[in-house]
Amino acid sequence: MTEGARGDFVGSPVEAVAVSFQETRSGGSFEWHQDPVPRFVITLSGTLEFETKSGATFTIRPGDVLLAQDNSGSGHKWRLIGEEPWCRAYVVYREGAELNFKPKGDAA
């Protein structure tokens, strides 16, 4: 990321191929599966527990952006926790796009 206006940090644009929205009712879940295509998943509402085949688990909350690239890997599963439905935006990016970004606030 480079410095931009107002002291913001700006990443390189990533060409979007498609944007769609989806909502799952509270209590929903999806057992082991792969993503159909690499994409960004932007959580707009709802909280879910996410697990990968490697055993990693984490919580996804509103405002979180998941880089979903598990379209040929071992898969993952998720389940909604709480009463809110999971509303999300899927942003499919151009195949082969360079995703060279890392938040400046990231300590790693």
PDB file of N, CA and C in Angstrom:
ATOM      1  N   MET A   1       0.842  -1.175   0.000  1.00  0.00           N
ATOM      2  CA  MET A   1       0.000   0.000   0.000  1.00  0.00           C
ATOM      3  C   MET A   1       0.889   1.241   0.000  1.00  0.00           C
ATOM      4  N   THR A   2       0.393   2.265  -0.642  1.00  0.00           N
ATOM      5  CA  THR A   2       1.140   3.515  -0.697  1.00  0.00           C
ATOM      6  C   THR A   2       0.321   4.610  -0.017  1.00  0.00           C
ATOM      7  N   GLU A   3       1.016   5.698   0.338  1.00  0.00           N
ATOM      8  CA  GLU A   3       0.313   6.800   0.980  1.00  0.00           C
ATOM      9  C   GLU A   3      -0.536   7.536  -0.043  1.00  0.00           C
ATOM     10  N   GLY A   4      -1.739   7.883   0.402  1.00  0.00           N
ATOM     11  CA  GLY A   4      -2.662   8.605  -0.457  1.00  0.00           C
ATOM     12  C   GLY A   4      -3.108   9.893   0.204  1.00  0.00           C
ATOM     13  N   ALA A   5      -4.202  10.433  -0.276  1.00  0.00           N
ATOM     14  CA  ALA A   5      -4.753  11.679   0.255  1.00  0.00           C
ATOM     15  C   ALA A   5      -5.161  11.508   1.711  1.00  0.00           C
ATOM     16  N   ARG A   6      -5.119  12.565   2.468  1.00  0.00           N
ATOM     17  CA  ARG A   6      -5.549  12.623   3.865  1.00  0.00           C
ATOM     18  C   ARG A   6      -4.790  11.655   4.768  1.00  0.00           C
ATOM     19  N   GLY A   7      -3.641  11.173   4.340  1.00  0.00           N
ATOM     20  CA  GLY A   7      -2.887  10.224   5.152  1.00  0.00           C
ATOM     21  C   GLY A   7      -3.384   8.793   5.042  1.00  0.00           C
ATOM     22  N   ASP A   8      -4.341   8.544   4.145  1.00  0.00           N
ATOM     23  CA  ASP A   8      -4.833   7.188   3.924  1.00  0.00           C
ATOM     24  C   ASP A   8      -3.776   6.354   3.235  1.00  0.00           C
ATOM     25  N   PHE A   9      -3.867   5.043   3.366  1.00  0.00           N
ATOM     26  CA  PHE A   9      -3.037   4.123   2.609  1.00  0.00           C
ATOM     27  C   PHE A   9      -3.908   3.507   1.531  1.00  0.00           C
ATOM     28  N   VAL A  10      -3.376   3.408   0.318  1.00  0.00           N
ATOM     29  CA  VAL A  10      -4.152   2.990  -0.841  1.00  0.00           C
ATOM     30  C   VAL A  10      -3.495   1.783  -1.487  1.00  0.00           C
ATOM     31  N   GLY A  11      -4.289   0.745  -1.721  1.00  0.00           N
ATOM     32  CA  GLY A  11      -3.798  -0.450  -2.402  1.00  0.00           C
ATOM     33  C   GLY A  11      -4.062  -0.356  -3.898  1.00  0.00           C
ATOM     34  N   SER A  12      -3.430  -1.234  -4.647  1.00  0.00           N
ATOM     35  CA  SER A  12      -3.656  -1.286  -6.094  1.00  0.00           C
ATOM     36  C   SER A  12      -5.064  -1.804  -6.375  1.00  0.00           C
ATOM     37  N   PRO A  13      -5.727  -1.273  -7.388  1.00  0.00           N
ATOM     38  CA  PRO A  13      -7.062  -1.763  -7.732  1.00  0.00           C
ATOM     39  C   PRO A  13      -7.018  -3.235  -8.152  1.00  0.00           C
ATOM     40  N   VAL A  14      -8.084  -3.963  -7.827  1.00  0.00           N
ATOM     41  CA  VAL A  14      -8.258  -5.347  -8.244  1.00  0.00           C
ATOM     42  C   VAL A  14      -9.518  -5.374  -9.098  1.00  0.00           C
ATOM     43  N   GLU A  15      -9.393  -5.824 -10.334  1.00  0.00           N
ATOM     44  CA  GLU A  15     -10.521  -5.829 -11.258  1.00  0.00           C
ATOM     45  C   GLU A  15     -11.582  -6.829 -10.818  1.00  0.00           C
ATOM     46  N   ALA A  16     -12.819  -6.338 -10.577  1.00  0.00           N
ATOM     47  CA  ALA A  16     -13.936  -7.197 -10.204  1.00  0.00           C
ATOM     48  C   ALA A  16     -14.633  -7.710 -11.456  1.00  0.00           C
ATOM     49  N   VAL A  17     -14.957  -8.987 -11.445  1.00  0.00           N
ATOM     50  CA  VAL A  17     -15.655  -9.619 -12.558  1.00  0.00           C
ATOM     51  C   VAL A  17     -17.156  -9.654 -12.286  1.00  0.00           C
ATOM     52  N   ALA A  18     -17.519  -9.878 -11.010  1.00  0.00           N
ATOM     53  CA  ALA A  18     -18.927  -9.949 -10.632  1.00  0.00           C
ATOM     54  C   ALA A  18     -19.076  -9.600  -9.163  1.00  0.00           C
ATOM     55  N   VAL A  19     -20.202  -8.989  -8.827  1.00  0.00           N
ATOM     56  CA  VAL A  19     -20.546  -8.698  -7.445  1.00  0.00           C
ATOM     57  C   VAL A  19     -21.952  -9.226  -7.219  1.00  0.00           C
ATOM     58  N   SER A  20     -22.154  -9.989  -6.135  1.00  0.00           N
ATOM     59  CA  SER A  20     -23.483 -10.494  -5.806  1.00  0.00           C
ATOM     60  C   SER A  20     -23.665 -10.460  -4.300  1.00  0.00           C
ATOM     61  N   PHE A  21     -24.912 -10.577  -3.867  1.00  0.00           N
ATOM     62  CA  PHE A  21     -25.248 -10.522  -2.450  1.00  0.00           C
ATOM     63  C   PHE A  21     -26.025 -11.779  -2.079  1.00  0.00           C
ATOM     64  N   GLN A  22     -25.866 -12.214  -0.833  1.00  0.00           N
ATOM     65  CA  GLN A  22     -26.557 -13.407  -0.370  1.00  0.00           C
ATOM     66  C   GLN A  22     -26.874 -13.245   1.104  1.00  0.00           C
ATOM     67  N   GLU A  23     -27.976 -13.857   1.546  1.00  0.00           N
ATOM     68  CA  GLU A  23     -28.362 -13.819   2.948  1.00  0.00           C
ATOM     69  C   GLU A  23     -28.753 -15.221   3.399  1.00  0.00           C
ATOM     70  N   THR A  24     -28.265 -15.619   4.566  1.00  0.00           N
ATOM     71  CA  THR A  24     -28.613 -16.895   5.183  1.00  0.00           C
ATOM     72  C   THR A  24     -29.292 -16.594   6.510  1.00  0.00           C
ATOM     73  N   ARG A  25     -30.440 -17.250   6.759  1.00  0.00           N
ATOM     74  CA  ARG A  25     -31.175 -17.043   8.005  1.00  0.00           C
ATOM     75  C   ARG A  25     -30.340 -17.439   9.217  1.00  0.00           C
ATOM     76  N   SER A  26     -30.664 -16.842  10.371  1.00  0.00           N
ATOM     77  CA  SER A  26     -29.970 -17.210  11.606  1.00  0.00           C
ATOM     78  C   SER A  26     -30.137 -18.713  11.826  1.00  0.00           C
ATOM     79  N   GLY A  27     -29.115 -19.309  12.411  1.00  0.00           N
ATOM     80  CA  GLY A  27     -29.128 -20.746  12.639  1.00  0.00           C
ATOM     81  C   GLY A  27     -28.590 -21.549  11.465  1.00  0.00           C
ATOM     82  N   GLY A  28     -28.296 -20.894  10.354  1.00  0.00           N
ATOM     83  CA  GLY A  28     -27.818 -21.578   9.160  1.00  0.00           C
ATOM     84  C   GLY A  28     -26.401 -22.098   9.312  1.00  0.00           C
ATOM     85  N   SER A  29     -26.073 -23.073   8.470  1.00  0.00           N
ATOM     86  CA  SER A  29     -24.716 -23.620   8.440  1.00  0.00           C
ATOM     87  C   SER A  29     -24.477 -24.242   7.076  1.00  0.00           C
ATOM     88  N   PHE A  30     -23.214 -24.550   6.786  1.00  0.00           N
ATOM     89  CA  PHE A  30     -22.849 -25.196   5.532  1.00  0.00           C
ATOM     90  C   PHE A  30     -21.686 -26.117   5.845  1.00  0.00           C
ATOM     91  N   GLU A  31     -21.898 -27.409   5.680  1.00  0.00           N
ATOM     92  CA  GLU A  31     -20.869 -28.395   5.991  1.00  0.00           C
ATOM     93  C   GLU A  31     -19.719 -28.309   4.988  1.00  0.00           C
ATOM     94  N   TRP A  32     -18.751 -29.196   5.053  1.00  0.00           N
ATOM     95  CA  TRP A  32     -17.520 -29.141   4.270  1.00  0.00           C
ATOM     96  C   TRP A  32     -17.801 -28.902   2.794  1.00  0.00           C
ATOM     97  N   HIS A  33     -17.140 -27.888   2.258  1.00  0.00           N
ATOM     98  CA  HIS A  33     -17.301 -27.519   0.844  1.00  0.00           C
ATOM     99  C   HIS A  33     -16.111 -26.667   0.419  1.00  0.00           C
ATOM    100  N   GLN A  34     -16.012 -26.426  -0.875  1.00  0.00           N
ATOM    101  CA  GLN A  34     -15.012 -25.522  -1.441  1.00  0.00           C
ATOM    102  C   GLN A  34     -15.734 -24.322  -2.027  1.00  0.00           C
ATOM    103  N   ASP A  35     -15.008 -23.228  -2.220  1.00  0.00           N
ATOM    104  CA  ASP A  35     -15.578 -22.073  -2.907  1.00  0.00           C
ATOM    105  C   ASP A  35     -15.614 -22.374  -4.399  1.00  0.00           C
ATOM    106  N   PRO A  36     -16.652 -21.917  -5.102  1.00  0.00           N
ATOM    107  CA  PRO A  36     -16.711 -22.190  -6.545  1.00  0.00           C
ATOM    108  C   PRO A  36     -15.643 -21.444  -7.344  1.00  0.00           C
ATOM    109  N   VAL A  37     -15.293 -20.233  -6.889  1.00  0.00           N
ATOM    110  CA  VAL A  37     -14.275 -19.412  -7.554  1.00  0.00           C
ATOM    111  C   VAL A  37     -13.563 -18.573  -6.499  1.00  0.00           C
ATOM    112  N   PRO A  38     -12.317 -18.142  -6.762  1.00  0.00           N
ATOM    113  CA  PRO A  38     -11.663 -17.225  -5.820  1.00  0.00           C
ATOM    114  C   PRO A  38     -12.423 -15.891  -5.766  1.00  0.00           C
ATOM    115  N   ARG A  39     -12.609 -15.381  -4.549  1.00  0.00           N
ATOM    116  CA  ARG A  39     -13.399 -14.155  -4.384  1.00  0.00           C
ATOM    117  C   ARG A  39     -13.199 -13.567  -3.005  1.00  0.00           C
ATOM    118  N   PHE A  40     -13.611 -12.326  -2.862  1.00  0.00           N
ATOM    119  CA  PHE A  40     -13.681 -11.677  -1.568  1.00  0.00           C
ATOM    120  C   PHE A  40     -15.091 -11.917  -1.028  1.00  0.00           C
ATOM    121  N   VAL A  41     -15.201 -12.198   0.267  1.00  0.00           N
ATOM    122  CA  VAL A  41     -16.496 -12.331   0.927  1.00  0.00           C
ATOM    123  C   VAL A  41     -16.546 -11.254   2.001  1.00  0.00           C
ATOM    124  N   ILE A  42     -17.432 -10.282   1.821  1.00  0.00           N
ATOM    125  CA  ILE A  42     -17.534  -9.148   2.736  1.00  0.00           C
ATOM    126  C   ILE A  42     -18.774  -9.341   3.600  1.00  0.00           C
ATOM    127  N   THR A  43     -18.574  -9.537   4.892  1.00  0.00           N
ATOM    128  CA  THR A  43     -19.691  -9.750   5.812  1.00  0.00           C
ATOM    129  C   THR A  43     -20.320  -8.409   6.163  1.00  0.00           C
ATOM    130  N   LEU A  44     -21.621  -8.286   5.883  1.00  0.00           N
ATOM    131  CA  LEU A  44     -22.364  -7.058   6.148  1.00  0.00           C
ATOM    132  C   LEU A  44     -23.126  -7.142   7.467  1.00  0.00           C
ATOM    133  N   SER A  45     -23.637  -8.334   7.813  1.00  0.00           N
ATOM    134  CA  SER A  45     -24.296  -8.558   9.101  1.00  0.00           C
ATOM    135  C   SER A  45     -24.185 -10.030   9.442  1.00  0.00           C
ATOM    136  N   GLY A  46     -24.354 -10.329  10.719  1.00  0.00           N
ATOM    137  CA  GLY A  46     -24.276 -11.707  11.186  1.00  0.00           C
ATOM    138  C   GLY A  46     -22.876 -12.061  11.651  1.00  0.00           C
ATOM    139  N   THR A  47     -22.805 -13.115  12.448  1.00  0.00           N
ATOM    140  CA  THR A  47     -21.537 -13.602  12.986  1.00  0.00           C
ATOM    141  C   THR A  47     -21.485 -15.100  12.756  1.00  0.00           C
ATOM    142  N   LEU A  48     -20.345 -15.580  12.272  1.00  0.00           N
ATOM    143  CA  LEU A  48     -20.243 -17.010  12.043  1.00  0.00           C
ATOM    144  C   LEU A  48     -18.924 -17.565  12.527  1.00  0.00           C
ATOM    145  N   GLU A  49     -18.982 -18.846  12.812  1.00  0.00           N
ATOM    146  CA  GLU A  49     -17.794 -19.601  13.191  1.00  0.00           C
ATOM    147  C   GLU A  49     -17.335 -20.326  11.938  1.00  0.00           C
ATOM    148  N   PHE A  50     -16.074 -20.186  11.604  1.00  0.00           N
ATOM    149  CA  PHE A  50     -15.502 -20.697  10.359  1.00  0.00           C
ATOM    150  C   PHE A  50     -14.417 -21.700  10.715  1.00  0.00           C
ATOM    151  N   GLU A  51     -14.359 -22.839  10.010  1.00  0.00           N
ATOM    152  CA  GLU A  51     -13.347 -23.855  10.284  1.00  0.00           C
ATOM    153  C   GLU A  51     -12.770 -24.391   8.983  1.00  0.00           C
ATOM    154  N   THR A  52     -11.452 -24.557   8.950  1.00  0.00           N
ATOM    155  CA  THR A  52     -10.779 -25.146   7.790  1.00  0.00           C
ATOM    156  C   THR A  52     -10.430 -26.599   8.099  1.00  0.00           C
ATOM    157  N   LYS A  53     -10.142 -27.379   7.066  1.00  0.00           N
ATOM    158  CA  LYS A  53      -9.781 -28.790   7.248  1.00  0.00           C
ATOM    159  C   LYS A  53      -8.517 -28.950   8.083  1.00  0.00           C
ATOM    160  N   SER A  54      -7.655 -27.935   8.104  1.00  0.00           N
ATOM    161  CA  SER A  54      -6.426 -28.011   8.904  1.00  0.00           C
ATOM    162  C   SER A  54      -6.718 -27.871  10.399  1.00  0.00           C
ATOM    163  N   GLY A  55      -7.976 -27.544  10.735  1.00  0.00           N
ATOM    164  CA  GLY A  55      -8.355 -27.394  12.134  1.00  0.00           C
ATOM    165  C   GLY A  55      -8.381 -25.957  12.617  1.00  0.00           C
ATOM    166  N   ALA A  56      -7.983 -25.018  11.778  1.00  0.00           N
ATOM    167  CA  ALA A  56      -8.034 -23.603  12.161  1.00  0.00           C
ATOM    168  C   ALA A  56      -9.494 -23.157  12.273  1.00  0.00           C
ATOM    169  N   THR A  57      -9.816 -22.455  13.343  1.00  0.00           N
ATOM    170  CA  THR A  57     -11.154 -21.897  13.507  1.00  0.00           C
ATOM    171  C   THR A  57     -11.034 -20.419  13.842  1.00  0.00           C
ATOM    172  N   PHE A  58     -11.990 -19.654  13.368  1.00  0.00           N
ATOM    173  CA  PHE A  58     -12.022 -18.232  13.690  1.00  0.00           C
ATOM    174  C   PHE A  58     -13.436 -17.720  13.524  1.00  0.00           C
ATOM    175  N   THR A  59     -13.690 -16.542  14.063  1.00  0.00           N
ATOM    176  CA  THR A  59     -15.009 -15.917  14.010  1.00  0.00           C
ATOM    177  C   THR A  59     -14.992 -14.808  12.966  1.00  0.00           C
ATOM    178  N   ILE A  60     -16.037 -14.770  12.163  1.00  0.00           N
ATOM    179  CA  ILE A  60     -16.198 -13.715  11.160  1.00  0.00           C
ATOM    180  C   ILE A  60     -17.356 -12.835  11.608  1.00  0.00           C
ATOM    181  N   ARG A  61     -17.108 -11.519  11.616  1.00  0.00           N
ATOM    182  CA  ARG A  61     -18.084 -10.538  12.091  1.00  0.00           C
ATOM    183  C   ARG A  61     -18.352  -9.489  11.018  1.00  0.00           C
ATOM    184  N   PRO A  62     -19.414  -8.683  11.189  1.00  0.00           N
ATOM    185  CA  PRO A  62     -19.678  -7.611  10.231  1.00  0.00           C
ATOM    186  C   PRO A  62     -18.462  -6.722  10.031  1.00  0.00           C
ATOM    187  N   GLY A  63     -18.160  -6.434   8.778  1.00  0.00           N
ATOM    188  CA  GLY A  63     -17.010  -5.614   8.423  1.00  0.00           C
ATOM    189  C   GLY A  63     -15.798  -6.440   8.038  1.00  0.00           C
ATOM    190  N   ASP A  64     -15.791  -7.737   8.379  1.00  0.00           N
ATOM    191  CA  ASP A  64     -14.662  -8.591   8.014  1.00  0.00           C
ATOM    192  C   ASP A  64     -14.708  -8.920   6.524  1.00  0.00           C
ATOM    193  N   VAL A  65     -13.532  -8.973   5.922  1.00  0.00           N
ATOM    194  CA  VAL A  65     -13.393  -9.341   4.513  1.00  0.00           C
ATOM    195  C   VAL A  65     -12.545 -10.604   4.458  1.00  0.00           C
ATOM    196  N   LEU A  66     -13.123 -11.664   3.907  1.00  0.00           N
ATOM    197  CA  LEU A  66     -12.435 -12.948   3.783  1.00  0.00           C
ATOM    198  C   LEU A  66     -11.964 -13.105   2.343  1.00  0.00           C
ATOM    199  N   LEU A  67     -10.708 -13.428   2.160  1.00  0.00           N
ATOM    200  CA  LEU A  67     -10.183 -13.738   0.833  1.00  0.00           C
ATOM    201  C   LEU A  67     -10.370 -15.240   0.644  1.00  0.00           C
ATOM    202  N   ALA A  68     -11.407 -15.626  -0.078  1.00  0.00           N
ATOM    203  CA  ALA A  68     -11.782 -17.030  -0.243  1.00  0.00           C
ATOM    204  C   ALA A  68     -11.118 -17.584  -1.499  1.00  0.00           C
ATOM    205  N   GLN A  69     -10.111 -18.417  -1.303  1.00  0.00           N
ATOM    206  CA  GLN A  69      -9.384 -19.009  -2.426  1.00  0.00           C
ATOM    207  C   GLN A  69      -9.378 -20.529  -2.350  1.00  0.00           C
ATOM    208  N   ASP A  70     -10.294 -21.090  -1.586  1.00  0.00           N
ATOM    209  CA  ASP A  70     -10.329 -22.530  -1.370  1.00  0.00           C
ATOM    210  C   ASP A  70     -11.199 -23.214  -2.430  1.00  0.00           C
ATOM    211  N   ASN A  71     -10.909 -22.947  -3.692  1.00  0.00           N
ATOM    212  CA  ASN A  71     -11.691 -23.571  -4.759  1.00  0.00           C
ATOM    213  C   ASN A  71     -11.036 -24.843  -5.287  1.00  0.00           C
ATOM    214  N   SER A  72      -9.878 -25.207  -4.781  1.00  0.00           N
ATOM    215  CA  SER A  72      -9.245 -26.470  -5.171  1.00  0.00           C
ATOM    216  C   SER A  72      -8.587 -27.130  -3.969  1.00  0.00           C
ATOM    217  N   GLY A  73      -8.806 -26.589  -2.791  1.00  0.00           N
ATOM    218  CA  GLY A  73      -8.168 -27.107  -1.580  1.00  0.00           C
ATOM    219  C   GLY A  73      -9.028 -28.126  -0.861  1.00  0.00           C
ATOM    220  N   SER A  74      -8.781 -28.243   0.416  1.00  0.00           N
ATOM    221  CA  SER A  74      -9.424 -29.283   1.213  1.00  0.00           C
ATOM    222  C   SER A  74     -10.798 -28.892   1.739  1.00  0.00           C
ATOM    223  N   GLY A  75     -11.175 -27.652   1.635  1.00  0.00           N
ATOM    224  CA  GLY A  75     -12.510 -27.237   2.031  1.00  0.00           C
ATOM    225  C   GLY A  75     -12.575 -26.583   3.398  1.00  0.00           C
ATOM    226  N   HIS A  76     -13.770 -26.138   3.722  1.00  0.00           N
ATOM    227  CA  HIS A  76     -14.048 -25.456   4.979  1.00  0.00           C
ATOM    228  C   HIS A  76     -15.532 -25.608   5.287  1.00  0.00           C
ATOM    229  N   LYS A  77     -15.916 -25.231   6.501  1.00  0.00           N
ATOM    230  CA  LYS A  77     -17.325 -25.213   6.873  1.00  0.00           C
ATOM    231  C   LYS A  77     -17.580 -24.017   7.767  1.00  0.00           C
ATOM    232  N   TRP A  78     -18.857 -23.651   7.901  1.00  0.00           N
ATOM    233  CA  TRP A  78     -19.211 -22.527   8.756  1.00  0.00           C
ATOM    234  C   TRP A  78     -20.586 -22.742   9.356  1.00  0.00           C
ATOM    235  N   ARG A  79     -20.822 -22.034  10.462  1.00  0.00           N
ATOM    236  CA  ARG A  79     -22.155 -22.027  11.068  1.00  0.00           C
ATOM    237  C   ARG A  79     -22.397 -20.658  11.691  1.00  0.00           C
ATOM    238  N   LEU A  80     -23.622 -20.195  11.549  1.00  0.00           N
ATOM    239  CA  LEU A  80     -24.003 -18.909  12.126  1.00  0.00           C
ATOM    240  C   LEU A  80     -24.161 -19.033  13.627  1.00  0.00           C
ATOM    241  N   ILE A  81     -23.706 -18.019  14.345  1.00  0.00           N
ATOM    242  CA  ILE A  81     -23.926 -17.951  15.781  1.00  0.00           C
ATOM    243  C   ILE A  81     -24.647 -16.637  16.062  1.00  0.00           C
ATOM    244  N   GLY A  82     -25.544 -16.641  16.996  1.00  0.00           N
ATOM    245  CA  GLY A  82     -26.340 -15.453  17.264  1.00  0.00           C
ATOM    246  C   GLY A  82     -27.644 -15.478  16.485  1.00  0.00           C
ATOM    247  N   GLU A  83     -28.398 -14.412  16.632  1.00  0.00           N
ATOM    248  CA  GLU A  83     -29.746 -14.332  16.058  1.00  0.00           C
ATOM    249  C   GLU A  83     -29.825 -13.631  14.704  1.00  0.00           C
ATOM    250  N   GLU A  84     -28.778 -12.957  14.316  1.00  0.00           N
ATOM    251  CA  GLU A  84     -28.792 -12.170  13.082  1.00  0.00           C
ATOM    252  C   GLU A  84     -28.532 -13.027  11.855  1.00  0.00           C
ATOM    253  N   PRO A  85     -29.211 -12.748  10.733  1.00  0.00           N
ATOM    254  CA  PRO A  85     -28.868 -13.464   9.492  1.00  0.00           C
ATOM    255  C   PRO A  85     -27.493 -13.042   9.001  1.00  0.00           C
ATOM    256  N   TRP A  86     -26.869 -13.896   8.185  1.00  0.00           N
ATOM    257  CA  TRP A  86     -25.571 -13.568   7.599  1.00  0.00           C
ATOM    258  C   TRP A  86     -25.813 -12.961   6.226  1.00  0.00           C
ATOM    259  N   CYS A  87     -25.606 -11.662   6.108  1.00  0.00           N
ATOM    260  CA  CYS A  87     -25.694 -10.958   4.834  1.00  0.00           C
ATOM    261  C   CYS A  87     -24.267 -10.707   4.369  1.00  0.00           C
ATOM    262  N   ARG A  88     -23.996 -11.028   3.110  1.00  0.00           N
ATOM    263  CA  ARG A  88     -22.640 -10.836   2.605  1.00  0.00           C
ATOM    264  C   ARG A  88     -22.660 -10.454   1.139  1.00  0.00           C
ATOM    265  N   ALA A  89     -21.548  -9.840   0.737  1.00  0.00           N
ATOM    266  CA  ALA A  89     -21.310  -9.497  -0.660  1.00  0.00           C
ATOM    267  C   ALA A  89     -20.170 -10.374  -1.145  1.00  0.00           C
ATOM    268  N   TYR A  90     -20.344 -10.978  -2.303  1.00  0.00           N
ATOM    269  CA  TYR A  90     -19.288 -11.744  -2.955  1.00  0.00           C
ATOM    270  C   TYR A  90     -18.724 -10.885  -4.080  1.00  0.00           C
ATOM    271  N   VAL A  91     -17.421 -10.698  -4.083  1.00  0.00           N
ATOM    272  CA  VAL A  91     -16.761  -9.944  -5.142  1.00  0.00           C
ATOM    273  C   VAL A  91     -15.768 -10.895  -5.813  1.00  0.00           C
ATOM    274  N   VAL A  92     -16.136 -11.359  -6.995  1.00  0.00           N
ATOM    275  CA  VAL A  92     -15.266 -12.259  -7.761  1.00  0.00           C
ATOM    276  C   VAL A  92     -14.277 -11.384  -8.512  1.00  0.00           C
ATOM    277  N   TYR A  93     -13.006 -11.712  -8.375  1.00  0.00           N
ATOM    278  CA  TYR A  93     -11.984 -10.922  -9.063  1.00  0.00           C
ATOM    279  C   TYR A  93     -11.450 -11.675 -10.277  1.00  0.00           C
ATOM    280  N   ARG A  94     -10.833 -10.920 -11.167  1.00  0.00           N
ATOM    281  CA  ARG A  94     -10.310 -11.475 -12.417  1.00  0.00           C
ATOM    282  C   ARG A  94      -9.288 -12.565 -12.122  1.00  0.00           C
ATOM    283  N   GLU A  95      -9.414 -13.687 -12.806  1.00  0.00           N
ATOM    284  CA  GLU A  95      -8.467 -14.784 -12.636  1.00  0.00           C
ATOM    285  C   GLU A  95      -7.049 -14.312 -12.940  1.00  0.00           C
ATOM    286  N   GLY A  96      -6.113 -14.650 -12.083  1.00  0.00           N
ATOM    287  CA  GLY A  96      -4.725 -14.249 -12.261  1.00  0.00           C
ATOM    288  C   GLY A  96      -4.404 -12.874 -11.720  1.00  0.00           C
ATOM    289  N   ALA A  97      -5.401 -12.199 -11.142  1.00  0.00           N
ATOM    290  CA  ALA A  97      -5.163 -10.852 -10.601  1.00  0.00           C
ATOM    291  C   ALA A  97      -4.148 -10.908  -9.462  1.00  0.00           C
ATOM    292  N   GLU A  98      -3.270  -9.908  -9.412  1.00  0.00           N
ATOM    293  CA  GLU A  98      -2.308  -9.812  -8.325  1.00  0.00           C
ATOM    294  C   GLU A  98      -2.996  -9.187  -7.120  1.00  0.00           C
ATOM    295  N   LEU A  99      -2.893  -9.868  -6.004  1.00  0.00           N
ATOM    296  CA  LEU A  99      -3.507  -9.384  -4.776  1.00  0.00           C
ATOM    297  C   LEU A  99      -2.394  -9.013  -3.806  1.00  0.00           C
ATOM    298  N   ASN A 100      -1.663  -7.982  -4.172  1.00  0.00           N
ATOM    299  CA  ASN A 100      -0.514  -7.533  -3.367  1.00  0.00           C
ATOM    300  C   ASN A 100      -0.940  -6.433  -2.427  1.00  0.00           C
ATOM    301  N   PHE A 101      -1.525  -6.805  -1.320  1.00  0.00           N
ATOM    302  CA  PHE A 101      -1.864  -5.803  -0.334  1.00  0.00           C
ATOM    303  C   PHE A 101      -1.764  -6.405   1.051  1.00  0.00           C
ATOM    304  N   LYS A 102      -1.455  -5.562   1.996  1.00  0.00           N
ATOM    305  CA  LYS A 102      -1.396  -5.935   3.392  1.00  0.00           C
ATOM    306  C   LYS A 102      -1.713  -4.673   4.164  1.00  0.00           C
ATOM    307  N   PRO A 103      -2.708  -4.722   5.062  1.00  0.00           N
ATOM    308  CA  PRO A 103      -3.049  -3.506   5.809  1.00  0.00           C
ATOM    309  C   PRO A 103      -1.838  -2.918   6.518  1.00  0.00           C
ATOM    310  N   LYS A 104      -1.664  -1.618   6.428  1.00  0.00           N
ATOM    311  CA  LYS A 104      -0.533  -0.956   7.064  1.00  0.00           C
ATOM    312  C   LYS A 104      -0.579  -1.111   8.576  1.00  0.00           C
ATOM    313  N   GLY A 105      -1.767  -1.232   9.144  1.00  0.00           N
ATOM    314  CA  GLY A 105      -1.895  -1.376  10.590  1.00  0.00           C
ATOM    315  C   GLY A 105      -1.563  -2.771  11.072  1.00  0.00           C
ATOM    316  N   ASP A 106      -1.311  -3.713  10.177  1.00  0.00           N
ATOM    317  CA  ASP A 106      -1.017  -5.102  10.527  1.00  0.00           C
ATOM    318  C   ASP A 106       0.374  -5.188  11.144  1.00  0.00           C
ATOM    319  N   ALA A 107       0.468  -5.767  12.322  1.00  0.00           N
ATOM    320  CA  ALA A 107       1.747  -5.836  13.035  1.00  0.00           C
ATOM    321  C   ALA A 107       2.640  -6.960  12.539  1.00  0.00           C
ATOM    322  N   ALA A 108       2.090  -7.908  11.808  1.00  0.00           N
ATOM    323  CA  ALA A 108       2.892  -9.069  11.360  1.00  0.00           C
ATOM    324  C   ALA A 108       3.857  -8.710  10.261  1.00  0.00           C
TER     325      ALA A 108
END
